[in-house]
Amino acid sequence: MRAYIGTCEILDDRLTVREINVYSDKYDESTERFLMHNIIHQVFPDTTQVHATWFTGALVILNCKMMGRLMN
């Protein structure tokens, strides 16, 4: 099992990290899953936007929801 889930979005033509969620020790009986919490401000405390400059591979989007309008 992966220890974290990172959520990114494209802002101003740049890949930006929005959330870094980790599992907590709290268990939700109704969903039968451990809860997650966002630790992005603990990992990157001195910034409000984290551009993923370390990512140099191909970005493959398999399942997404269009949140805005794409412009050329």
N, C-alpha and C. Protein backbone atom coordinates (compact mmCIF):
# COMPACT_ATOMS: atom_id res chain seq x y z
N MET A 1 0.84 -1.17 0.00
CA MET A 1 0.00 0.00 0.00
C MET A 1 0.89 1.25 0.00
N ARG A 2 0.52 2.22 -0.78
CA ARG A 2 1.25 3.48 -0.85
C ARG A 2 1.00 4.26 0.44
N ALA A 3 2.01 4.94 0.92
CA ALA A 3 1.90 5.68 2.18
C ALA A 3 1.33 7.08 2.00
N TYR A 4 1.23 7.57 0.77
CA TYR A 4 0.72 8.91 0.53
C TYR A 4 0.02 8.96 -0.82
N ILE A 5 -0.79 9.99 -1.01
CA ILE A 5 -1.42 10.27 -2.30
C ILE A 5 -1.20 11.75 -2.59
N GLY A 6 -0.54 12.03 -3.69
CA GLY A 6 -0.30 13.41 -4.09
C GLY A 6 -1.33 13.83 -5.13
N THR A 7 -1.86 15.03 -4.97
CA THR A 7 -2.82 15.58 -5.93
C THR A 7 -2.20 16.80 -6.58
N CYS A 8 -2.20 16.79 -7.90
CA CYS A 8 -1.61 17.90 -8.65
C CYS A 8 -2.66 18.51 -9.56
N GLU A 9 -2.36 19.72 -10.02
CA GLU A 9 -3.19 20.37 -11.03
C GLU A 9 -2.27 21.21 -11.90
N ILE A 10 -2.76 21.58 -13.05
CA ILE A 10 -1.99 22.42 -13.95
C ILE A 10 -2.48 23.85 -13.77
N LEU A 11 -1.58 24.72 -13.31
CA LEU A 11 -1.86 26.14 -13.12
C LEU A 11 -0.84 26.94 -13.91
N ASP A 12 -1.31 27.85 -14.72
CA ASP A 12 -0.42 28.69 -15.52
C ASP A 12 0.59 27.86 -16.30
N ASP A 13 0.11 26.76 -16.90
CA ASP A 13 0.93 25.85 -17.70
C ASP A 13 2.04 25.18 -16.91
N ARG A 14 1.87 25.04 -15.61
CA ARG A 14 2.87 24.38 -14.77
C ARG A 14 2.18 23.33 -13.90
N LEU A 15 2.84 22.20 -13.73
CA LEU A 15 2.33 21.16 -12.85
C LEU A 15 2.55 21.60 -11.41
N THR A 16 1.47 21.69 -10.65
CA THR A 16 1.51 22.23 -9.30
C THR A 16 0.94 21.22 -8.32
N VAL A 17 1.65 21.00 -7.22
CA VAL A 17 1.19 20.07 -6.18
C VAL A 17 0.15 20.79 -5.33
N ARG A 18 -1.03 20.21 -5.23
CA ARG A 18 -2.11 20.81 -4.46
C ARG A 18 -2.24 20.20 -3.07
N GLU A 19 -2.08 18.87 -2.97
CA GLU A 19 -2.23 18.18 -1.70
C GLU A 19 -1.25 17.01 -1.61
N ILE A 20 -0.83 16.70 -0.40
CA ILE A 20 -0.10 15.47 -0.10
C ILE A 20 -0.83 14.85 1.08
N ASN A 21 -1.59 13.81 0.82
CA ASN A 21 -2.39 13.17 1.86
C ASN A 21 -1.73 11.89 2.34
N VAL A 22 -1.70 11.73 3.65
CA VAL A 22 -1.15 10.52 4.28
C VAL A 22 -2.22 9.90 5.16
N TYR A 23 -2.09 8.60 5.37
CA TYR A 23 -3.03 7.91 6.26
C TYR A 23 -2.75 8.27 7.70
N SER A 24 -3.82 8.44 8.46
CA SER A 24 -3.68 8.68 9.90
C SER A 24 -3.96 7.38 10.64
N ASP A 25 -3.89 7.44 11.95
CA ASP A 25 -4.19 6.25 12.75
C ASP A 25 -5.67 6.18 13.13
N LYS A 26 -6.46 7.12 12.61
CA LYS A 26 -7.90 7.14 12.90
C LYS A 26 -8.66 6.30 11.89
N TYR A 27 -9.49 5.43 12.39
CA TYR A 27 -10.24 4.50 11.55
C TYR A 27 -11.71 4.92 11.52
N ASP A 28 -12.28 4.99 10.32
CA ASP A 28 -13.68 5.34 10.14
C ASP A 28 -14.50 4.06 10.00
N GLU A 29 -15.30 3.76 11.00
CA GLU A 29 -16.09 2.53 11.00
C GLU A 29 -17.09 2.49 9.84
N SER A 30 -17.64 3.66 9.48
CA SER A 30 -18.68 3.68 8.44
C SER A 30 -18.12 3.34 7.05
N THR A 31 -16.90 3.75 6.77
CA THR A 31 -16.30 3.45 5.47
C THR A 31 -15.33 2.28 5.53
N GLU A 32 -15.02 1.86 6.76
CA GLU A 32 -14.06 0.78 6.99
C GLU A 32 -12.69 1.09 6.39
N ARG A 33 -12.29 2.35 6.55
CA ARG A 33 -10.99 2.81 6.04
C ARG A 33 -10.34 3.74 7.05
N PHE A 34 -9.03 3.82 6.96
CA PHE A 34 -8.31 4.80 7.76
C PHE A 34 -8.47 6.17 7.12
N LEU A 35 -8.56 7.20 7.93
CA LEU A 35 -8.71 8.56 7.43
C LEU A 35 -7.37 9.08 6.92
N MET A 36 -7.43 10.07 6.05
CA MET A 36 -6.22 10.69 5.51
C MET A 36 -6.22 12.16 5.89
N HIS A 37 -5.04 12.76 5.95
CA HIS A 37 -4.96 14.20 6.17
C HIS A 37 -3.84 14.80 5.31
N ASN A 38 -4.05 16.06 4.95
CA ASN A 38 -3.16 16.77 4.05
C ASN A 38 -1.97 17.35 4.83
N ILE A 39 -0.75 17.02 4.39
CA ILE A 39 0.46 17.50 5.07
C ILE A 39 1.31 18.42 4.19
N ILE A 40 0.73 18.98 3.15
CA ILE A 40 1.54 19.78 2.21
C ILE A 40 2.24 20.94 2.92
N HIS A 41 1.59 21.56 3.92
CA HIS A 41 2.22 22.70 4.61
C HIS A 41 3.34 22.25 5.56
N GLN A 42 3.35 20.98 5.91
CA GLN A 42 4.46 20.47 6.71
C GLN A 42 5.65 20.14 5.81
N VAL A 43 5.38 19.67 4.60
CA VAL A 43 6.45 19.32 3.66
C VAL A 43 7.04 20.56 3.01
N PHE A 44 6.16 21.51 2.65
CA PHE A 44 6.58 22.76 2.02
C PHE A 44 6.05 23.94 2.85
N PRO A 45 6.67 24.25 3.98
CA PRO A 45 6.11 25.26 4.89
C PRO A 45 6.24 26.71 4.42
N ASP A 46 7.14 26.99 3.52
CA ASP A 46 7.43 28.38 3.18
C ASP A 46 6.85 28.83 1.85
N THR A 47 5.89 28.10 1.31
CA THR A 47 5.34 28.49 0.02
C THR A 47 3.86 28.16 -0.07
N THR A 48 3.15 28.89 -0.90
CA THR A 48 1.72 28.62 -1.09
C THR A 48 1.47 27.81 -2.35
N GLN A 49 2.39 27.88 -3.31
CA GLN A 49 2.28 27.07 -4.53
C GLN A 49 3.56 26.29 -4.73
N VAL A 50 3.42 24.99 -4.94
CA VAL A 50 4.58 24.13 -5.14
C VAL A 50 4.56 23.65 -6.58
N HIS A 51 5.45 24.18 -7.39
CA HIS A 51 5.56 23.75 -8.78
C HIS A 51 6.47 22.51 -8.83
N ALA A 52 5.99 21.47 -9.47
CA ALA A 52 6.70 20.19 -9.51
C ALA A 52 7.81 20.24 -10.55
N THR A 53 8.83 21.04 -10.29
CA THR A 53 9.93 21.21 -11.23
C THR A 53 10.77 19.95 -11.36
N TRP A 54 10.67 19.04 -10.39
CA TRP A 54 11.42 17.79 -10.42
C TRP A 54 10.82 16.78 -11.38
N PHE A 55 9.58 17.00 -11.82
CA PHE A 55 8.93 16.06 -12.72
C PHE A 55 9.33 16.38 -14.15
N THR A 56 9.95 15.41 -14.83
CA THR A 56 10.41 15.63 -16.21
C THR A 56 9.86 14.61 -17.18
N GLY A 57 9.01 13.71 -16.71
CA GLY A 57 8.48 12.65 -17.56
C GLY A 57 7.26 13.09 -18.34
N ALA A 58 6.67 12.14 -19.01
CA ALA A 58 5.43 12.38 -19.75
C ALA A 58 4.26 12.37 -18.78
N LEU A 59 3.33 13.26 -18.98
CA LEU A 59 2.14 13.33 -18.15
C LEU A 59 0.99 12.66 -18.89
N VAL A 60 0.53 11.55 -18.36
CA VAL A 60 -0.56 10.78 -18.97
C VAL A 60 -1.79 10.94 -18.09
N ILE A 61 -2.85 11.48 -18.66
CA ILE A 61 -4.08 11.71 -17.92
C ILE A 61 -5.11 10.70 -18.39
N LEU A 62 -5.47 9.77 -17.50
CA LEU A 62 -6.39 8.70 -17.87
C LEU A 62 -7.84 9.02 -17.53
N ASN A 63 -8.07 9.64 -16.41
CA ASN A 63 -9.43 9.90 -15.96
C ASN A 63 -9.43 11.24 -15.28
N CYS A 64 -10.05 12.23 -15.91
CA CYS A 64 -10.02 13.55 -15.32
C CYS A 64 -11.37 14.23 -15.49
N LYS A 65 -11.55 15.28 -14.71
CA LYS A 65 -12.74 16.10 -14.80
C LYS A 65 -12.28 17.49 -15.21
N MET A 66 -12.85 18.00 -16.28
CA MET A 66 -12.47 19.31 -16.78
C MET A 66 -13.01 20.39 -15.83
N MET A 67 -12.13 21.16 -15.25
CA MET A 67 -12.54 22.17 -14.28
C MET A 67 -12.65 23.55 -14.91
N GLY A 68 -12.03 23.74 -16.03
CA GLY A 68 -12.05 25.06 -16.67
C GLY A 68 -11.90 24.89 -18.16
N ARG A 69 -11.68 25.96 -18.83
CA ARG A 69 -11.58 25.93 -20.28
C ARG A 69 -10.13 25.93 -20.70
N LEU A 70 -9.77 25.03 -21.59
CA LEU A 70 -8.40 24.99 -22.12
C LEU A 70 -8.29 25.98 -23.27
N MET A 71 -7.19 26.70 -23.28
CA MET A 71 -6.96 27.69 -24.34
C MET A 71 -5.63 27.41 -25.00
N ASN A 72 -5.53 27.64 -26.29
CA ASN A 72 -4.27 27.47 -27.02
C ASN A 72 -3.49 28.75 -27.02
